[in-house]
Amino acid sequence: MAGATTLGDLASAIGIRSQEEAAIVAELKAGSETAYAWLIGEFQQPVYGLVYRIVNDPADAADTTQDVFLKVFRGMKHFHGGSSLKTWIYRIALHEAANRRRWWFRHKAKETSIEPVESDGPSPGENAMQVALTDHADSPFDSVAQHEVQHRVEAELRKVPEPYRTTLILRDLEEMSYEEIAEVLEISLGTVKSRLTRGRDALRQRLAPYVREVGNELGLTAPSQDKEGRRSQVAGGGRRVEVNL
């Protein structure tokens, strides 16, 4: 009986959220400035973070995020609620980010920049990985070691081939559910799980040589796989740091 009550409460909550979203969509379609202000406040940072992880350039990510919201505003009249608003917006964001990335490889990658590429501060796309890797009780050496590991994980993640990389980003950094990922990418749940498995394996294999190379110097131990093959761990400074793979 308790289980039925819990399921009933959950269904009721989902229904309320659906009604609220339907009301917001109606306001957006009516051109409500308040509704559009809410939309930007709700989704601008998440969309920017997602796009940044795809294009890996702050300026390109900002421009692409603007393009995403232009597409959202112009396309709102065509949104009929076949998916959630978040799913629809993320689908547009991934499409625009993929287009920007392809353009970059065709044009911008051929240019030689005279601007410095190193930065002492964290880049906008580092926040989620920072949370996953950083222990705030670390000593200065531990912090340097973990910062180096963090950058290496991000660098290797960028080399994981598509479509596995995007699936990893959506699941392990954006923390989207399998169902949400399936809707965003318009693939089956089985395909989502398959891409995650292959993507995590690819990332784990890319990280293993690095850990073997510098493990003793940084106090790291080689990545290990749990029983479900979902997680790798890197230890440093006497602590184990989990890296979701």
Protein backbone atom coordinates (compact mmCIF):
# COMPACT_ATOMS: atom_id res chain seq x y z
CA MET A 1 0.00 0.00 0.00
CA ALA A 2 2.87 2.35 0.88
CA GLY A 3 4.47 1.61 -2.47
CA ALA A 4 1.24 2.41 -4.27
CA THR A 5 1.00 5.70 -2.40
CA THR A 6 4.55 6.58 -3.39
CA LEU A 7 3.87 5.80 -7.04
CA GLY A 8 0.66 7.80 -6.87
CA ASP A 9 2.46 10.79 -5.41
CA LEU A 10 5.11 10.53 -8.11
CA ALA A 11 2.52 10.36 -10.87
CA SER A 12 0.74 13.37 -9.37
CA ALA A 13 3.99 15.35 -9.21
CA ILE A 14 4.76 14.49 -12.84
CA GLY A 15 1.28 15.60 -13.81
CA ILE A 16 1.71 18.92 -12.02
CA ARG A 17 5.05 19.54 -13.73
CA SER A 18 3.49 18.72 -17.10
CA GLN A 19 0.68 21.18 -16.49
CA GLU A 20 3.13 23.88 -15.41
CA GLU A 21 5.27 23.33 -18.48
CA ALA A 22 2.20 23.42 -20.75
CA ALA A 23 1.25 26.77 -19.22
CA ILE A 24 4.78 28.13 -19.74
CA VAL A 25 4.82 26.93 -23.35
CA ALA A 26 1.49 28.64 -23.95
CA GLU A 27 2.93 31.89 -22.58
CA LEU A 28 6.03 31.53 -24.74
CA LYS A 29 3.94 30.98 -27.84
CA ALA A 30 1.93 34.08 -26.94
CA GLY A 31 5.16 36.10 -26.89
CA SER A 32 5.26 36.75 -23.15
CA GLU A 33 8.43 38.65 -22.23
CA THR A 34 8.20 37.29 -18.68
CA ALA A 35 8.08 33.73 -19.98
CA TYR A 36 11.09 34.32 -22.23
CA ALA A 37 13.02 35.87 -19.34
CA TRP A 38 12.25 32.74 -17.31
CA LEU A 39 13.38 30.52 -20.18
CA ILE A 40 16.73 32.29 -20.47
CA GLY A 41 17.27 32.28 -16.71
CA GLU A 42 16.43 28.59 -16.50
CA PHE A 43 18.39 27.27 -19.48
CA GLN A 44 21.12 29.71 -20.50
CA GLN A 45 23.85 28.42 -18.19
CA PRO A 46 23.07 24.70 -18.68
CA VAL A 47 22.97 25.17 -22.46
CA TYR A 48 26.23 27.14 -22.44
CA GLY A 49 27.91 24.45 -20.34
CA LEU A 50 26.71 21.71 -22.68
CA VAL A 51 27.76 23.59 -25.80
CA TYR A 52 31.16 24.47 -24.32
CA ARG A 53 31.93 20.81 -23.74
CA ILE A 54 31.23 20.12 -27.40
CA VAL A 55 33.03 23.07 -29.05
CA ASN A 56 35.70 23.61 -26.34
CA ASP A 57 36.04 27.35 -26.92
CA PRO A 58 34.41 30.01 -24.70
CA ALA A 59 33.77 32.51 -27.51
CA ASP A 60 32.37 29.87 -29.84
CA ALA A 61 30.25 28.49 -27.01
CA ALA A 62 28.81 31.94 -26.27
CA ASP A 63 28.01 32.57 -29.94
CA THR A 64 26.48 29.13 -30.33
CA THR A 65 24.37 29.59 -27.19
CA GLN A 66 22.95 32.77 -28.70
CA ASP A 67 22.16 30.85 -31.88
CA VAL A 68 20.44 28.16 -29.83
CA PHE A 69 18.07 30.63 -28.18
CA LEU A 70 17.34 32.34 -31.48
CA LYS A 71 16.33 28.93 -32.84
CA VAL A 72 14.26 28.29 -29.72
CA PHE A 73 12.46 31.64 -29.96
CA ARG A 74 11.78 31.28 -33.67
CA GLY A 75 10.81 27.64 -33.41
CA MET A 76 8.58 27.85 -30.35
CA LYS A 77 5.45 27.94 -32.49
CA HIS A 78 6.44 24.52 -33.85
CA PHE A 79 6.91 22.98 -30.39
CA HIS A 80 3.92 20.73 -29.76
CA GLY A 81 4.98 19.00 -26.55
CA GLY A 82 6.10 15.73 -28.10
CA SER A 83 9.03 15.87 -25.65
CA SER A 84 9.80 17.98 -22.61
CA LEU A 85 10.89 21.58 -23.14
CA LYS A 86 14.33 20.73 -21.76
CA THR A 87 14.74 17.81 -24.16
CA TRP A 88 13.74 19.96 -27.12
CA ILE A 89 16.14 22.77 -26.17
CA TYR A 90 19.02 20.35 -25.56
CA ARG A 91 18.40 18.72 -28.93
CA ILE A 92 18.69 22.12 -30.61
CA ALA A 93 21.82 22.89 -28.56
CA LEU A 94 23.55 19.66 -29.59
CA HIS A 95 22.67 20.25 -33.23
CA GLU A 96 24.03 23.80 -33.19
CA ALA A 97 27.15 22.75 -31.28
CA ALA A 98 27.85 19.95 -33.77
CA ASN A 99 27.46 22.42 -36.65
CA ARG A 100 29.83 24.88 -34.96
CA ARG A 101 32.38 22.13 -34.30
CA ARG A 102 32.28 21.03 -37.94
CA TRP A 103 32.70 24.63 -39.07
CA TRP A 104 35.65 25.05 -36.70
CA PHE A 105 37.45 22.04 -38.14
CA ARG A 106 36.87 23.28 -41.68
CA HIS A 107 37.89 26.91 -41.11
CA LYS A 108 39.07 28.11 -37.72
CA ALA A 109 41.42 25.21 -37.02
CA LYS A 110 43.53 26.36 -39.97
CA GLU A 111 44.12 29.76 -38.39
CA THR A 112 47.10 30.50 -36.14
CA SER A 113 46.10 32.49 -33.09
CA ILE A 114 48.46 34.98 -31.45
CA GLU A 115 46.41 34.99 -28.26
CA PRO A 116 47.69 33.06 -25.23
CA VAL A 117 45.89 29.78 -24.77
CA GLU A 118 46.81 29.10 -21.17
CA SER A 119 44.72 30.42 -18.31
CA ASP A 120 45.32 30.36 -14.58
CA GLY A 121 41.60 30.18 -13.80
CA PRO A 122 39.13 27.39 -14.51
CA SER A 123 37.46 27.39 -17.89
CA PRO A 124 33.65 27.56 -18.06
CA GLY A 125 33.38 23.87 -18.91
CA GLU A 126 35.40 22.66 -15.96
CA ASN A 127 32.81 23.06 -13.19
CA ALA A 128 31.19 19.63 -13.33
CA MET A 129 34.50 17.83 -13.72
CA GLN A 130 35.96 19.98 -10.93
CA VAL A 131 33.27 18.76 -8.56
CA ALA A 132 33.96 15.17 -9.58
CA LEU A 133 37.71 15.41 -9.10
CA THR A 134 38.46 17.95 -6.40
CA ASP A 135 38.70 17.24 -2.69
CA HIS A 136 38.65 20.67 -1.01
CA ALA A 137 40.71 19.34 1.92
CA ASP A 138 43.71 18.73 -0.35
CA SER A 139 47.17 20.05 0.37
CA PRO A 140 48.70 22.41 -2.25
CA PHE A 141 50.53 19.49 -3.85
CA ASP A 142 47.35 17.42 -3.93
CA SER A 143 45.50 20.31 -5.56
CA VAL A 144 48.14 20.65 -8.27
CA ALA A 145 48.09 16.91 -8.90
CA GLN A 146 44.32 16.77 -9.11
CA HIS A 147 44.23 19.84 -11.36
CA GLU A 148 46.62 18.08 -13.73
CA VAL A 149 44.54 14.90 -13.65
CA GLN A 150 41.37 16.93 -14.27
CA HIS A 151 42.84 18.56 -17.37
CA ARG A 152 44.05 15.21 -18.67
CA VAL A 153 40.62 13.63 -18.19
CA GLU A 154 39.01 16.53 -20.06
CA ALA A 155 41.59 16.31 -22.85
CA GLU A 156 41.06 12.58 -23.27
CA LEU A 157 37.28 12.99 -23.15
CA ARG A 158 37.53 15.36 -26.11
CA LYS A 159 39.28 12.59 -28.05
CA VAL A 160 36.57 10.00 -27.44
CA PRO A 161 34.85 9.60 -30.82
CA GLU A 162 31.28 10.55 -31.47
CA PRO A 163 28.58 9.56 -30.79
CA TYR A 164 30.03 8.12 -27.59
CA ARG A 165 31.48 11.42 -26.31
CA THR A 166 28.18 13.29 -26.44
CA THR A 167 26.42 10.42 -24.68
CA LEU A 168 29.07 10.48 -21.93
CA ILE A 169 28.67 14.24 -21.52
CA LEU A 170 24.89 14.01 -21.24
CA ARG A 171 24.99 11.17 -18.72
CA ASP A 172 28.09 11.70 -16.60
CA LEU A 173 28.42 15.51 -16.70
CA GLU A 174 24.88 16.71 -17.37
CA GLU A 175 23.52 13.83 -15.25
CA MET A 176 20.58 13.27 -17.57
CA SER A 177 18.55 10.09 -17.24
CA TYR A 178 18.75 7.34 -19.86
CA GLU A 179 15.24 8.27 -20.96
CA GLU A 180 16.14 11.95 -21.38
CA ILE A 181 19.26 11.06 -23.38
CA ALA A 182 17.23 8.76 -25.60
CA GLU A 183 14.80 11.61 -26.30
CA VAL A 184 17.49 14.22 -26.90
CA LEU A 185 19.48 12.01 -29.27
CA GLU A 186 16.37 10.31 -30.70
CA ILE A 187 17.74 6.83 -30.11
CA SER A 188 16.57 3.79 -28.15
CA LEU A 189 17.41 3.10 -24.50
CA GLY A 190 19.47 0.12 -25.60
CA THR A 191 21.54 2.33 -27.88
CA VAL A 192 22.08 4.83 -25.06
CA LYS A 193 23.41 2.10 -22.77
CA SER A 194 25.58 0.64 -25.52
CA ARG A 195 27.12 4.01 -26.33
CA LEU A 196 27.78 4.70 -22.66
CA THR A 197 29.52 1.37 -22.21
CA ARG A 198 31.70 1.87 -25.27
CA GLY A 199 32.40 5.51 -24.45
CA ARG A 200 33.41 4.75 -20.86
CA ASP A 201 35.64 1.92 -22.05
CA ALA A 202 37.28 4.23 -24.60
CA LEU A 203 37.90 6.93 -21.99
CA ARG A 204 39.23 4.41 -19.48
CA GLN A 205 41.65 3.01 -22.06
CA ARG A 206 42.84 6.50 -22.97
CA LEU A 207 43.51 7.34 -19.32
CA ALA A 208 45.30 4.11 -18.40
CA PRO A 209 48.66 4.92 -20.16
CA TYR A 210 48.74 8.36 -18.53
CA VAL A 211 48.23 6.88 -15.08
CA ARG A 212 50.96 4.32 -15.71
CA GLU A 213 53.31 7.07 -16.92
CA VAL A 214 52.91 9.59 -14.10
CA GLY A 215 51.22 7.51 -11.42
CA ASN A 216 54.23 7.27 -9.11
CA GLU A 217 55.06 10.96 -9.45
CA LEU A 218 51.53 12.15 -8.70
CA GLY A 219 50.67 9.37 -6.27
CA LEU A 220 48.02 7.88 -8.55
CA THR A 221 46.88 4.32 -8.92
CA ALA A 222 45.62 2.90 -12.19
CA PRO A 223 41.95 3.28 -13.07
CA SER A 224 39.85 0.37 -11.91
CA GLN A 225 36.49 -0.81 -13.11
CA ASP A 226 33.62 -1.65 -10.79
CA LYS A 227 31.40 -4.69 -11.14
CA GLU A 228 29.01 -2.87 -13.48
CA GLY A 229 31.79 -1.32 -15.54
CA ARG A 230 30.53 2.19 -14.85
CA ARG A 231 33.24 3.88 -12.85
CA SER A 232 36.98 4.31 -12.73
CA GLN A 233 38.94 5.52 -9.74
CA VAL A 234 42.18 7.48 -9.60
CA ALA A 235 43.91 7.86 -6.25
CA GLY A 236 46.20 10.73 -5.34
CA GLY A 237 47.64 12.27 -2.21
CA GLY A 238 46.43 9.41 -0.06
CA ARG A 239 42.85 9.84 -1.27
CA ARG A 240 40.81 8.07 -3.89
CA VAL A 241 39.18 10.32 -6.43
CA GLU A 242 36.32 8.85 -8.40
CA VAL A 243 36.06 9.64 -12.07
CA ASN A 244 32.70 8.63 -13.47
CA LEU A 245 33.28 6.81 -16.69
